[in-house]
Amino acid sequence: MNAANTQLIFLHGAGERADVWDDVIAELPADWSCNAIDLGELGVIDDGMFDLSDAADRVLQRIEAEQSTVVCGLSLGAMVATVVAARADPGALDALILSGGQVRPPKWMMRLQWQISIRLPERAFAAYGSTKSETLAMYAAVEAADLRDRLGEVRVPTAVWCGTRDIANRPAARELAEGIDGAELRFVPGMSHGWHRSHPAAFAAHLREFLSATSARTPRGR
């Protein structure tokens, strides 16, 4: 896999928009093909519902069969990316990057997040271009998700990242790495859940390192 000839698909977290990845992408080589997908614009939010499975299917539709593809997801995006990798046809996907992802989110954690969010005014959700109803719909989908049976279906080189300050998601990071064959687990020192926003250069550096190492281990063509 040659990163310069690879399509990188970025999937954001709940309450964000695709442009949250702009600063990370700006730190990557200009000849890399980067595509940040807006999960809120996939058309899967209807009557207050967000369907994680439908979102994954729509991401799969954007994968070019003739091009090497890497999917990088964070938080909700990492969960969608996991389903994408599990459903992808053999050879359709070359690598997977999951940061701050979940497998079966703790009910207490999601209910706490819901209770906090439901009390916030609409303007609080505008910072990353989202809306209150959209964010709450995504939280509901995350709470209902259970990806344990999907992990064994992921057959591509996978990086599992979690910031050392992202305490709530550290158990899930271990579960992801244990459930996905050959996955590399990395706890990133000093980083919180949203380190793609707070430290985009560091996120991009880890991404470049992983893709370089993956290319060296598994040279391939299409």
C-alpha atoms as a PDB file:
ATOM      1  CA  MET A   1       0.000   0.000   0.000  1.00  0.00           C
ATOM      2  CA  ASN A   2       1.401   3.355  -1.109  1.00  0.00           C
ATOM      3  CA  ALA A   3      -0.129   6.156   0.976  1.00  0.00           C
ATOM      4  CA  ALA A   4       0.272   8.619  -1.890  1.00  0.00           C
ATOM      5  CA  ASN A   5      -2.035   6.405  -3.987  1.00  0.00           C
ATOM      6  CA  THR A   6      -4.467   5.760  -1.157  1.00  0.00           C
ATOM      7  CA  GLN A   7      -7.869   7.207  -0.398  1.00  0.00           C
ATOM      8  CA  LEU A   8      -8.173   8.200   3.278  1.00  0.00           C
ATOM      9  CA  ILE A   9     -11.741   8.417   4.578  1.00  0.00           C
ATOM     10  CA  PHE A  10     -12.232  10.307   7.844  1.00  0.00           C
ATOM     11  CA  LEU A  11     -15.325   9.848  10.027  1.00  0.00           C
ATOM     12  CA  HIS A  12     -16.074  12.307  12.824  1.00  0.00           C
ATOM     13  CA  GLY A  13     -17.673  11.943  16.243  1.00  0.00           C
ATOM     14  CA  ALA A  14     -21.174  12.803  17.425  1.00  0.00           C
ATOM     15  CA  GLY A  15     -21.865  16.530  17.520  1.00  0.00           C
ATOM     16  CA  GLU A  16     -19.214  17.275  14.891  1.00  0.00           C
ATOM     17  CA  ARG A  17     -19.097  17.876  11.156  1.00  0.00           C
ATOM     18  CA  ALA A  18     -16.663  16.631   8.555  1.00  0.00           C
ATOM     19  CA  ASP A  19     -14.633  19.853   8.628  1.00  0.00           C
ATOM     20  CA  VAL A  20     -13.427  18.984  12.121  1.00  0.00           C
ATOM     21  CA  TRP A  21     -10.756  16.967  10.279  1.00  0.00           C
ATOM     22  CA  ASP A  22      -9.481  19.945   8.262  1.00  0.00           C
ATOM     23  CA  ASP A  23      -6.531  20.660  10.556  1.00  0.00           C
ATOM     24  CA  VAL A  24      -5.450  17.011  10.596  1.00  0.00           C
ATOM     25  CA  ILE A  25      -5.662  16.779   6.812  1.00  0.00           C
ATOM     26  CA  ALA A  26      -3.640  20.003   6.489  1.00  0.00           C
ATOM     27  CA  GLU A  27      -0.779  18.230   8.292  1.00  0.00           C
ATOM     28  CA  LEU A  28      -0.714  15.352   5.805  1.00  0.00           C
ATOM     29  CA  PRO A  29       1.174  15.322   2.496  1.00  0.00           C
ATOM     30  CA  ALA A  30      -0.594  17.344  -0.180  1.00  0.00           C
ATOM     31  CA  ASP A  31      -0.603  14.408  -2.610  1.00  0.00           C
ATOM     32  CA  TRP A  32      -2.636  12.210  -0.266  1.00  0.00           C
ATOM     33  CA  SER A  33      -6.288  11.829  -1.250  1.00  0.00           C
ATOM     34  CA  CYS A  34      -8.300  12.713   1.871  1.00  0.00           C
ATOM     35  CA  ASN A  35     -12.071  12.648   2.113  1.00  0.00           C
ATOM     36  CA  ALA A  36     -13.839  13.612   5.351  1.00  0.00           C
ATOM     37  CA  ILE A  37     -17.432  12.375   5.252  1.00  0.00           C
ATOM     38  CA  ASP A  38     -20.191  14.245   7.062  1.00  0.00           C
ATOM     39  CA  LEU A  39     -22.204  11.587   8.874  1.00  0.00           C
ATOM     40  CA  GLY A  40     -24.996  14.064   9.478  1.00  0.00           C
ATOM     41  CA  GLU A  41     -25.435  14.595   5.751  1.00  0.00           C
ATOM     42  CA  LEU A  42     -25.623  10.944   4.738  1.00  0.00           C
ATOM     43  CA  GLY A  43     -29.400  11.128   4.921  1.00  0.00           C
ATOM     44  CA  VAL A  44     -29.661   8.556   7.679  1.00  0.00           C
ATOM     45  CA  ILE A  45     -31.100  10.917  10.290  1.00  0.00           C
ATOM     46  CA  ASP A  46     -34.868  10.753   9.977  1.00  0.00           C
ATOM     47  CA  ASP A  47     -37.586  11.432  12.547  1.00  0.00           C
ATOM     48  CA  GLY A  48     -34.959  11.857  15.256  1.00  0.00           C
ATOM     49  CA  MET A  49     -33.146   8.584  14.521  1.00  0.00           C
ATOM     50  CA  PHE A  50     -29.599   7.838  13.394  1.00  0.00           C
ATOM     51  CA  ASP A  51     -28.899   4.369  12.041  1.00  0.00           C
ATOM     52  CA  LEU A  52     -25.267   3.351  12.494  1.00  0.00           C
ATOM     53  CA  SER A  53     -25.677   0.401  10.131  1.00  0.00           C
ATOM     54  CA  ASP A  54     -27.105   2.564   7.359  1.00  0.00           C
ATOM     55  CA  ALA A  55     -24.287   5.069   7.851  1.00  0.00           C
ATOM     56  CA  ALA A  56     -21.729   2.286   7.378  1.00  0.00           C
ATOM     57  CA  ASP A  57     -23.441   1.108   4.194  1.00  0.00           C
ATOM     58  CA  ARG A  58     -23.340   4.620   2.758  1.00  0.00           C
ATOM     59  CA  VAL A  59     -19.657   4.953   3.570  1.00  0.00           C
ATOM     60  CA  LEU A  60     -19.022   1.641   1.795  1.00  0.00           C
ATOM     61  CA  GLN A  61     -20.697   3.060  -1.305  1.00  0.00           C
ATOM     62  CA  ARG A  62     -18.016   5.761  -1.440  1.00  0.00           C
ATOM     63  CA  ILE A  63     -15.083   3.347  -1.513  1.00  0.00           C
ATOM     64  CA  GLU A  64     -13.440   3.203  -4.943  1.00  0.00           C
ATOM     65  CA  ALA A  65     -12.762  -0.408  -5.878  1.00  0.00           C
ATOM     66  CA  GLU A  66      -9.640   0.456  -7.880  1.00  0.00           C
ATOM     67  CA  GLN A  67      -8.059   2.569  -5.162  1.00  0.00           C
ATOM     68  CA  SER A  68      -6.390   1.540  -1.916  1.00  0.00           C
ATOM     69  CA  THR A  69      -8.545   2.761   0.967  1.00  0.00           C
ATOM     70  CA  VAL A  70      -7.953   3.508   4.641  1.00  0.00           C
ATOM     71  CA  VAL A  71     -10.800   4.456   6.985  1.00  0.00           C
ATOM     72  CA  CYS A  72     -10.043   6.554  10.068  1.00  0.00           C
ATOM     73  CA  GLY A  73     -12.833   7.119  12.583  1.00  0.00           C
ATOM     74  CA  LEU A  74     -13.071   8.801  15.957  1.00  0.00           C
ATOM     75  CA  SER A  75     -15.705   8.119  18.631  1.00  0.00           C
ATOM     76  CA  LEU A  76     -18.999   7.568  16.753  1.00  0.00           C
ATOM     77  CA  GLY A  77     -16.933   7.623  13.560  1.00  0.00           C
ATOM     78  CA  ALA A  78     -14.783   4.797  14.937  1.00  0.00           C
ATOM     79  CA  MET A  79     -17.903   2.714  15.520  1.00  0.00           C
ATOM     80  CA  VAL A  80     -19.136   3.354  11.992  1.00  0.00           C
ATOM     81  CA  ALA A  81     -15.640   2.553  10.682  1.00  0.00           C
ATOM     82  CA  THR A  82     -15.637  -0.767  12.552  1.00  0.00           C
ATOM     83  CA  VAL A  83     -18.877  -1.789  10.845  1.00  0.00           C
ATOM     84  CA  VAL A  84     -17.502  -0.595   7.494  1.00  0.00           C
ATOM     85  CA  ALA A  85     -14.420  -2.791   7.899  1.00  0.00           C
ATOM     86  CA  ALA A  86     -16.483  -5.774   9.012  1.00  0.00           C
ATOM     87  CA  ARG A  87     -18.763  -5.509   5.968  1.00  0.00           C
ATOM     88  CA  ALA A  88     -16.194  -4.563   3.340  1.00  0.00           C
ATOM     89  CA  ASP A  89     -15.535  -7.047   0.579  1.00  0.00           C
ATOM     90  CA  PRO A  90     -12.121  -8.734   0.713  1.00  0.00           C
ATOM     91  CA  GLY A  91      -9.517  -6.370  -0.719  1.00  0.00           C
ATOM     92  CA  ALA A  92     -11.796  -3.328  -0.596  1.00  0.00           C
ATOM     93  CA  LEU A  93     -10.125  -1.899   2.487  1.00  0.00           C
ATOM     94  CA  ASP A  94      -6.411  -1.744   3.264  1.00  0.00           C
ATOM     95  CA  ALA A  95      -6.266  -0.454   6.830  1.00  0.00           C
ATOM     96  CA  LEU A  96      -8.395   0.827   9.697  1.00  0.00           C
ATOM     97  CA  ILE A  97      -7.708   3.485  12.342  1.00  0.00           C
ATOM     98  CA  LEU A  98      -9.983   3.689  15.387  1.00  0.00           C
ATOM     99  CA  SER A  99      -9.556   6.449  17.976  1.00  0.00           C
ATOM    100  CA  GLY A 100     -11.708   6.717  21.090  1.00  0.00           C
ATOM    101  CA  GLY A 101     -14.027   4.031  19.787  1.00  0.00           C
ATOM    102  CA  GLN A 102     -16.545   1.909  21.652  1.00  0.00           C
ATOM    103  CA  VAL A 103     -17.768  -1.672  21.370  1.00  0.00           C
ATOM    104  CA  ARG A 104     -20.777  -1.762  23.694  1.00  0.00           C
ATOM    105  CA  PRO A 105     -20.914   1.665  25.342  1.00  0.00           C
ATOM    106  CA  PRO A 106     -21.671   1.669  29.072  1.00  0.00           C
ATOM    107  CA  LYS A 107     -25.283   2.730  29.621  1.00  0.00           C
ATOM    108  CA  TRP A 108     -24.336   5.004  32.513  1.00  0.00           C
ATOM    109  CA  MET A 109     -21.835   6.905  30.388  1.00  0.00           C
ATOM    110  CA  MET A 110     -24.254   7.508  27.531  1.00  0.00           C
ATOM    111  CA  ARG A 111     -27.117   8.453  29.840  1.00  0.00           C
ATOM    112  CA  LEU A 112     -24.881  10.944  31.617  1.00  0.00           C
ATOM    113  CA  GLN A 113     -23.851  12.423  28.278  1.00  0.00           C
ATOM    114  CA  TRP A 114     -27.501  12.570  27.223  1.00  0.00           C
ATOM    115  CA  GLN A 115     -28.555  14.290  30.449  1.00  0.00           C
ATOM    116  CA  ILE A 116     -25.839  16.898  30.048  1.00  0.00           C
ATOM    117  CA  SER A 117     -26.610  17.507  26.385  1.00  0.00           C
ATOM    118  CA  ILE A 118     -30.392  17.709  26.735  1.00  0.00           C
ATOM    119  CA  ARG A 119     -29.948  20.665  29.084  1.00  0.00           C
ATOM    120  CA  LEU A 120     -27.650  22.606  26.782  1.00  0.00           C
ATOM    121  CA  PRO A 121     -29.014  25.378  24.552  1.00  0.00           C
ATOM    122  CA  GLU A 122     -28.987  24.958  20.777  1.00  0.00           C
ATOM    123  CA  ARG A 123     -26.098  27.406  20.402  1.00  0.00           C
ATOM    124  CA  ALA A 124     -23.833  25.063  22.371  1.00  0.00           C
ATOM    125  CA  PHE A 125     -23.939  22.589  19.482  1.00  0.00           C
ATOM    126  CA  ALA A 126     -23.078  25.111  16.809  1.00  0.00           C
ATOM    127  CA  ALA A 127     -19.346  25.236  17.572  1.00  0.00           C
ATOM    128  CA  TYR A 128     -18.702  22.254  15.283  1.00  0.00           C
ATOM    129  CA  GLY A 129     -21.618  22.882  12.942  1.00  0.00           C
ATOM    130  CA  SER A 130     -24.000  20.340  14.425  1.00  0.00           C
ATOM    131  CA  THR A 131     -27.495  20.657  15.898  1.00  0.00           C
ATOM    132  CA  LYS A 132     -28.930  19.502  19.201  1.00  0.00           C
ATOM    133  CA  SER A 133     -31.397  17.040  17.656  1.00  0.00           C
ATOM    134  CA  GLU A 134     -28.738  15.547  15.396  1.00  0.00           C
ATOM    135  CA  THR A 135     -26.278  15.109  18.251  1.00  0.00           C
ATOM    136  CA  LEU A 136     -28.872  13.490  20.524  1.00  0.00           C
ATOM    137  CA  ALA A 137     -29.872  11.128  17.705  1.00  0.00           C
ATOM    138  CA  MET A 138     -26.261  10.057  17.334  1.00  0.00           C
ATOM    139  CA  TYR A 139     -25.889   9.548  21.094  1.00  0.00           C
ATOM    140  CA  ALA A 140     -28.971   7.313  21.055  1.00  0.00           C
ATOM    141  CA  ALA A 141     -27.455   5.208  18.262  1.00  0.00           C
ATOM    142  CA  VAL A 142     -24.189   4.872  20.171  1.00  0.00           C
ATOM    143  CA  GLU A 143     -26.008   3.772  23.339  1.00  0.00           C
ATOM    144  CA  ALA A 144     -27.899   1.080  21.440  1.00  0.00           C
ATOM    145  CA  ALA A 145     -24.862  -0.274  19.599  1.00  0.00           C
ATOM    146  CA  ASP A 146     -23.183  -3.587  20.336  1.00  0.00           C
ATOM    147  CA  LEU A 147     -20.247  -4.376  18.030  1.00  0.00           C
ATOM    148  CA  ARG A 148     -18.857  -7.403  19.840  1.00  0.00           C
ATOM    149  CA  ASP A 149     -19.880  -9.813  17.067  1.00  0.00           C
ATOM    150  CA  ARG A 150     -18.365  -7.529  14.418  1.00  0.00           C
ATOM    151  CA  LEU A 151     -14.802  -7.402  15.720  1.00  0.00           C
ATOM    152  CA  GLY A 152     -13.829 -10.856  14.484  1.00  0.00           C
ATOM    153  CA  GLU A 153     -14.985  -9.907  10.984  1.00  0.00           C
ATOM    154  CA  VAL A 154     -12.378  -7.144  10.649  1.00  0.00           C
ATOM    155  CA  ARG A 155      -9.529  -8.567   8.544  1.00  0.00           C
ATOM    156  CA  VAL A 156      -7.326  -5.556   7.792  1.00  0.00           C
ATOM    157  CA  PRO A 157      -4.379  -3.994   9.642  1.00  0.00           C
ATOM    158  CA  THR A 158      -5.920  -1.970  12.438  1.00  0.00           C
ATOM    159  CA  ALA A 159      -4.657   0.711  14.799  1.00  0.00           C
ATOM    160  CA  VAL A 160      -6.598   1.306  18.013  1.00  0.00           C
ATOM    161  CA  TRP A 161      -5.794   4.615  19.700  1.00  0.00           C
ATOM    162  CA  CYS A 162      -6.963   6.182  22.917  1.00  0.00           C
ATOM    163  CA  GLY A 163      -5.619   9.206  24.751  1.00  0.00           C
ATOM    164  CA  THR A 164      -4.354   8.512  28.261  1.00  0.00           C
ATOM    165  CA  ARG A 165      -6.693  11.263  29.471  1.00  0.00           C
ATOM    166  CA  ASP A 166      -9.674   9.630  27.762  1.00  0.00           C
ATOM    167  CA  ILE A 167     -10.350   7.466  30.803  1.00  0.00           C
ATOM    168  CA  ALA A 168     -13.920   6.531  29.877  1.00  0.00           C
ATOM    169  CA  ASN A 169     -12.844   4.935  26.595  1.00  0.00           C
ATOM    170  CA  ARG A 170      -9.725   3.067  27.701  1.00  0.00           C
ATOM    171  CA  PRO A 171     -11.549  -0.209  28.511  1.00  0.00           C
ATOM    172  CA  ALA A 172     -13.207  -0.132  25.082  1.00  0.00           C
ATOM    173  CA  ALA A 173      -9.831   0.432  23.407  1.00  0.00           C
ATOM    174  CA  ARG A 174      -8.538  -2.739  25.024  1.00  0.00           C
ATOM    175  CA  GLU A 175     -11.659  -4.636  23.972  1.00  0.00           C
ATOM    176  CA  LEU A 176     -11.297  -3.433  20.386  1.00  0.00           C
ATOM    177  CA  ALA A 177      -7.640  -4.431  20.235  1.00  0.00           C
ATOM    178  CA  GLU A 178      -8.329  -7.844  21.755  1.00  0.00           C
ATOM    179  CA  GLY A 179     -11.282  -8.524  19.453  1.00  0.00           C
ATOM    180  CA  ILE A 180      -9.667  -7.484  16.157  1.00  0.00           C
ATOM    181  CA  ASP A 181      -7.014  -9.934  15.061  1.00  0.00           C
ATOM    182  CA  GLY A 182      -3.564  -8.339  14.985  1.00  0.00           C
ATOM    183  CA  ALA A 183      -4.773  -4.879  16.033  1.00  0.00           C
ATOM    184  CA  GLU A 184      -2.166  -2.531  17.463  1.00  0.00           C
ATOM    185  CA  LEU A 185      -3.209  -0.780  20.677  1.00  0.00           C
ATOM    186  CA  ARG A 186      -1.705   2.600  21.515  1.00  0.00           C
ATOM    187  CA  PHE A 187      -2.484   4.827  24.493  1.00  0.00           C
ATOM    188  CA  VAL A 188      -1.347   8.268  23.401  1.00  0.00           C
ATOM    189  CA  PRO A 189       0.300  10.172  26.287  1.00  0.00           C
ATOM    190  CA  GLY A 190      -1.413  13.343  27.444  1.00  0.00           C
ATOM    191  CA  MET A 191      -4.228  13.226  24.898  1.00  0.00           C
ATOM    192  CA  SER A 192      -7.948  13.513  25.592  1.00  0.00           C
ATOM    193  CA  HIS A 193     -10.875  12.156  23.575  1.00  0.00           C
ATOM    194  CA  GLY A 194     -10.890  15.035  21.081  1.00  0.00           C
ATOM    195  CA  TRP A 195      -7.170  15.111  20.334  1.00  0.00           C
ATOM    196  CA  HIS A 196      -7.865  15.362  16.600  1.00  0.00           C
ATOM    197  CA  ARG A 197      -9.069  18.902  17.402  1.00  0.00           C
ATOM    198  CA  SER A 198      -6.659  19.863  20.183  1.00  0.00           C
ATOM    199  CA  HIS A 199      -3.509  18.307  18.669  1.00  0.00           C
ATOM    200  CA  PRO A 200      -4.085  17.790  14.922  1.00  0.00           C
ATOM    201  CA  ALA A 201      -0.356  17.699  14.126  1.00  0.00           C
ATOM    202  CA  ALA A 202       0.161  14.887  16.640  1.00  0.00           C
ATOM    203  CA  PHE A 203      -2.822  12.967  15.278  1.00  0.00           C
ATOM    204  CA  ALA A 204      -1.480  13.327  11.737  1.00  0.00           C
ATOM    205  CA  ALA A 205       1.974  12.200  12.851  1.00  0.00           C
ATOM    206  CA  HIS A 206       0.582   9.007  14.381  1.00  0.00           C
ATOM    207  CA  LEU A 207      -1.434   8.409  11.229  1.00  0.00           C
ATOM    208  CA  ARG A 208       1.610   8.817   8.983  1.00  0.00           C
ATOM    209  CA  GLU A 209       3.636   6.504  11.197  1.00  0.00           C
ATOM    210  CA  PHE A 210       0.973   3.788  11.151  1.00  0.00           C
ATOM    211  CA  LEU A 211       0.481   3.926   7.394  1.00  0.00           C
ATOM    212  CA  SER A 212       4.219   3.876   6.799  1.00  0.00           C
ATOM    213  CA  ALA A 213       4.646   0.824   9.031  1.00  0.00           C
ATOM    214  CA  THR A 214       1.645  -0.898   7.433  1.00  0.00           C
ATOM    215  CA  SER A 215       3.004  -0.262   3.950  1.00  0.00           C
ATOM    216  CA  ALA A 216       6.361  -1.718   4.932  1.00  0.00           C
ATOM    217  CA  ARG A 217       4.784  -4.860   6.396  1.00  0.00           C
ATOM    218  CA  THR A 218       2.200  -5.533   3.722  1.00  0.00           C
ATOM    219  CA  PRO A 219       3.362  -4.214   0.331  1.00  0.00           C
ATOM    220  CA  ARG A 220       0.628  -4.765  -2.182  1.00  0.00           C
ATOM    221  CA  GLY A 221      -0.933  -3.603  -5.395  1.00  0.00           C
ATOM    222  CA  ARG A 222      -4.383  -3.686  -6.899  1.00  0.00           C
END
